[in-house]
Amino acid sequence: MLIFLGIFLLCVAVCLVEIPYLKKVKSKREKRIFWSLFTVSMLIVSLKYSGVEIPNPGDGIAFLLKPFSDFLFSLLK
């Protein structure tokens, strides 16, 4: 529970630093990108510290490219 409190306080600190800058910026796209990346990153950190297994992105890429790799190696034999 203490870890989640620390994560929440870190989020608040980041928001206190970034909100004044985001108010000055007129670009809605930059604001949307910031908030979406901020939300996703805080969600991933919260899940990681709650014990949920977060898959490695490299494993997903390897899974997607494995058939192509097998095909290329079969051509080389």
N, C-alpha and C. Protein backbone atom coordinates (compact mmCIF):
# COMPACT_ATOMS: atom_id res chain seq x y z
N MET A 1 0.83 -1.20 0.00
CA MET A 1 0.00 0.00 0.00
C MET A 1 0.86 1.25 0.00
N LEU A 2 2.00 1.17 0.67
CA LEU A 2 2.90 2.30 0.74
C LEU A 2 3.48 2.64 -0.65
N ILE A 3 3.70 1.59 -1.44
CA ILE A 3 4.23 1.81 -2.80
C ILE A 3 3.21 2.58 -3.63
N PHE A 4 1.94 2.23 -3.52
CA PHE A 4 0.91 2.94 -4.29
C PHE A 4 0.78 4.40 -3.85
N LEU A 5 0.97 4.64 -2.57
CA LEU A 5 0.95 6.01 -2.09
C LEU A 5 2.13 6.80 -2.68
N GLY A 6 3.29 6.16 -2.74
CA GLY A 6 4.46 6.79 -3.35
C GLY A 6 4.24 7.06 -4.83
N ILE A 7 3.64 6.11 -5.54
CA ILE A 7 3.35 6.30 -6.96
C ILE A 7 2.38 7.46 -7.14
N PHE A 8 1.36 7.52 -6.30
CA PHE A 8 0.38 8.60 -6.38
C PHE A 8 1.03 9.95 -6.11
N LEU A 9 1.90 10.01 -5.11
CA LEU A 9 2.59 11.28 -4.81
C LEU A 9 3.52 11.68 -5.94
N LEU A 10 4.16 10.72 -6.57
CA LEU A 10 5.00 11.01 -7.72
C LEU A 10 4.17 11.56 -8.88
N CYS A 11 3.01 10.98 -9.10
CA CYS A 11 2.10 11.49 -10.15
C CYS A 11 1.68 12.93 -9.85
N VAL A 12 1.36 13.19 -8.62
CA VAL A 12 0.96 14.55 -8.23
C VAL A 12 2.12 15.52 -8.46
N ALA A 13 3.33 15.11 -8.10
CA ALA A 13 4.49 15.99 -8.28
C ALA A 13 4.73 16.27 -9.77
N VAL A 14 4.63 15.26 -10.60
CA VAL A 14 4.81 15.46 -12.04
C VAL A 14 3.73 16.38 -12.58
N CYS A 15 2.51 16.18 -12.15
CA CYS A 15 1.41 17.04 -12.61
C CYS A 15 1.63 18.49 -12.18
N LEU A 16 2.09 18.69 -10.95
CA LEU A 16 2.33 20.06 -10.48
C LEU A 16 3.41 20.76 -11.30
N VAL A 17 4.38 20.00 -11.79
CA VAL A 17 5.44 20.58 -12.60
C VAL A 17 4.96 20.82 -14.03
N GLU A 18 4.20 19.89 -14.57
CA GLU A 18 3.85 19.94 -16.00
C GLU A 18 2.59 20.76 -16.31
N ILE A 19 1.67 20.86 -15.40
CA ILE A 19 0.40 21.55 -15.70
C ILE A 19 0.60 23.01 -16.07
N PRO A 20 1.46 23.77 -15.38
CA PRO A 20 1.65 25.17 -15.82
C PRO A 20 2.17 25.27 -17.26
N TYR A 21 3.09 24.38 -17.62
CA TYR A 21 3.59 24.40 -19.00
C TYR A 21 2.49 24.04 -19.99
N LEU A 22 1.69 23.03 -19.64
CA LEU A 22 0.63 22.61 -20.55
C LEU A 22 -0.45 23.67 -20.70
N LYS A 23 -0.65 24.49 -19.69
CA LYS A 23 -1.62 25.58 -19.80
C LYS A 23 -1.15 26.64 -20.79
N LYS A 24 0.18 26.85 -20.84
CA LYS A 24 0.73 27.84 -21.78
C LYS A 24 0.72 27.34 -23.22
N VAL A 25 0.84 26.03 -23.39
CA VAL A 25 0.91 25.45 -24.74
C VAL A 25 -0.47 25.48 -25.37
N LYS A 26 -0.54 25.96 -26.59
CA LYS A 26 -1.82 26.04 -27.28
C LYS A 26 -2.14 24.77 -28.08
N SER A 27 -1.17 23.89 -28.22
CA SER A 27 -1.35 22.69 -29.02
C SER A 27 -2.14 21.63 -28.25
N LYS A 28 -3.32 21.34 -28.72
CA LYS A 28 -4.13 20.31 -28.08
C LYS A 28 -3.53 18.93 -28.31
N ARG A 29 -2.86 18.76 -29.44
CA ARG A 29 -2.26 17.47 -29.75
C ARG A 29 -1.16 17.14 -28.73
N GLU A 30 -0.35 18.12 -28.38
CA GLU A 30 0.71 17.89 -27.39
C GLU A 30 0.12 17.55 -26.03
N LYS A 31 -0.96 18.21 -25.67
CA LYS A 31 -1.61 17.92 -24.39
C LYS A 31 -2.17 16.50 -24.38
N ARG A 32 -2.81 16.11 -25.48
CA ARG A 32 -3.37 14.75 -25.56
C ARG A 32 -2.27 13.70 -25.49
N ILE A 33 -1.18 13.92 -26.20
CA ILE A 33 -0.07 12.97 -26.19
C ILE A 33 0.52 12.87 -24.79
N PHE A 34 0.73 14.00 -24.13
CA PHE A 34 1.28 13.97 -22.77
C PHE A 34 0.38 13.19 -21.83
N TRP A 35 -0.91 13.51 -21.82
CA TRP A 35 -1.80 12.86 -20.87
C TRP A 35 -1.99 11.38 -21.18
N SER A 36 -2.02 11.02 -22.46
CA SER A 36 -2.16 9.60 -22.78
C SER A 36 -0.91 8.82 -22.38
N LEU A 37 0.29 9.35 -22.67
CA LEU A 37 1.52 8.67 -22.26
C LEU A 37 1.66 8.64 -20.74
N PHE A 38 1.28 9.72 -20.09
CA PHE A 38 1.34 9.78 -18.63
C PHE A 38 0.42 8.73 -18.01
N THR A 39 -0.79 8.63 -18.53
CA THR A 39 -1.75 7.66 -18.00
C THR A 39 -1.28 6.23 -18.22
N VAL A 40 -0.80 5.94 -19.42
CA VAL A 40 -0.33 4.59 -19.72
C VAL A 40 0.88 4.24 -18.85
N SER A 41 1.80 5.16 -18.70
CA SER A 41 3.00 4.86 -17.89
C SER A 41 2.64 4.65 -16.43
N MET A 42 1.75 5.44 -15.89
CA MET A 42 1.36 5.26 -14.49
C MET A 42 0.58 3.95 -14.31
N LEU A 43 -0.21 3.58 -15.30
CA LEU A 43 -0.93 2.31 -15.24
C LEU A 43 0.06 1.14 -15.24
N ILE A 44 1.07 1.20 -16.10
CA ILE A 44 2.06 0.12 -16.17
C ILE A 44 2.84 0.03 -14.86
N VAL A 45 3.24 1.17 -14.31
CA VAL A 45 3.98 1.16 -13.04
C VAL A 45 3.11 0.60 -11.93
N SER A 46 1.86 0.99 -11.88
CA SER A 46 0.96 0.48 -10.83
C SER A 46 0.76 -1.02 -10.96
N LEU A 47 0.58 -1.50 -12.19
CA LEU A 47 0.40 -2.94 -12.39
C LEU A 47 1.67 -3.71 -12.03
N LYS A 48 2.82 -3.16 -12.40
CA LYS A 48 4.09 -3.84 -12.11
C LYS A 48 4.29 -4.00 -10.61
N TYR A 49 4.02 -2.95 -9.85
CA TYR A 49 4.22 -3.03 -8.41
C TYR A 49 3.10 -3.74 -7.67
N SER A 50 2.00 -4.02 -8.35
CA SER A 50 0.95 -4.82 -7.71
C SER A 50 1.15 -6.31 -7.98
N GLY A 51 2.20 -6.64 -8.75
CA GLY A 51 2.54 -8.05 -8.95
C GLY A 51 2.04 -8.64 -10.25
N VAL A 52 1.46 -7.85 -11.11
CA VAL A 52 0.98 -8.34 -12.39
C VAL A 52 2.17 -8.52 -13.33
N GLU A 53 2.22 -9.65 -14.02
CA GLU A 53 3.30 -9.93 -14.97
C GLU A 53 3.11 -9.07 -16.22
N ILE A 54 4.06 -8.18 -16.47
CA ILE A 54 4.02 -7.31 -17.64
C ILE A 54 4.91 -7.95 -18.71
N PRO A 55 4.36 -8.28 -19.88
CA PRO A 55 5.19 -8.92 -20.91
C PRO A 55 6.22 -7.96 -21.50
N ASN A 56 7.32 -8.53 -21.93
CA ASN A 56 8.39 -7.78 -22.57
C ASN A 56 8.00 -7.50 -24.03
N PRO A 57 8.10 -6.27 -24.52
CA PRO A 57 7.74 -5.98 -25.91
C PRO A 57 8.60 -6.77 -26.91
N GLY A 58 9.83 -7.07 -26.53
CA GLY A 58 10.70 -7.85 -27.42
C GLY A 58 10.15 -9.25 -27.67
N ASP A 59 9.48 -9.84 -26.67
CA ASP A 59 8.88 -11.16 -26.84
C ASP A 59 7.76 -11.11 -27.87
N GLY A 60 6.98 -10.04 -27.87
CA GLY A 60 5.90 -9.90 -28.85
C GLY A 60 6.44 -9.73 -30.26
N ILE A 61 7.51 -8.96 -30.39
CA ILE A 61 8.12 -8.77 -31.71
C ILE A 61 8.71 -10.09 -32.21
N ALA A 62 9.37 -10.83 -31.33
CA ALA A 62 9.93 -12.12 -31.70
C ALA A 62 8.82 -13.09 -32.12
N PHE A 63 7.71 -13.06 -31.42
CA PHE A 63 6.57 -13.92 -31.76
C PHE A 63 6.03 -13.58 -33.15
N LEU A 64 5.94 -12.30 -33.46
CA LEU A 64 5.41 -11.88 -34.77
C LEU A 64 6.37 -12.19 -35.91
N LEU A 65 7.66 -12.09 -35.66
CA LEU A 65 8.64 -12.28 -36.72
C LEU A 65 9.15 -13.72 -36.83
N LYS A 66 8.78 -14.60 -35.93
CA LYS A 66 9.25 -15.99 -35.96
C LYS A 66 8.88 -16.71 -37.24
N PRO A 67 7.65 -16.64 -37.76
CA PRO A 67 7.34 -17.33 -39.02
C PRO A 67 8.19 -16.82 -40.19
N PHE A 68 8.42 -15.53 -40.24
CA PHE A 68 9.23 -14.96 -41.31
C PHE A 68 10.68 -15.44 -41.18
N SER A 69 11.18 -15.49 -39.97
CA SER A 69 12.54 -15.97 -39.73
C SER A 69 12.66 -17.45 -40.12
N ASP A 70 11.67 -18.26 -39.75
CA ASP A 70 11.70 -19.68 -40.12
C ASP A 70 11.68 -19.85 -41.64
N PHE A 71 10.90 -19.03 -42.31
CA PHE A 71 10.83 -19.09 -43.77
C PHE A 71 12.19 -18.76 -44.38
N LEU A 72 12.83 -17.70 -43.90
CA LEU A 72 14.13 -17.33 -44.45
C LEU A 72 15.18 -18.40 -44.19
N PHE A 73 15.17 -18.99 -43.01
CA PHE A 73 16.14 -20.05 -42.72
C PHE A 73 15.87 -21.31 -43.55
N SER A 74 14.60 -21.56 -43.87
CA SER A 74 14.30 -22.72 -44.72
C SER A 74 14.80 -22.51 -46.14
N LEU A 75 14.83 -21.26 -46.60
CA LEU A 75 15.37 -20.97 -47.93
C LEU A 75 16.89 -21.14 -47.98
N LEU A 76 17.55 -20.91 -46.85
CA LEU A 76 19.01 -21.00 -46.81
C LEU A 76 19.51 -22.43 -46.67
N LYS A 77 18.68 -23.35 -46.31
CA LYS A 77 19.11 -24.76 -46.15
C LYS A 77 19.26 -25.45 -47.47
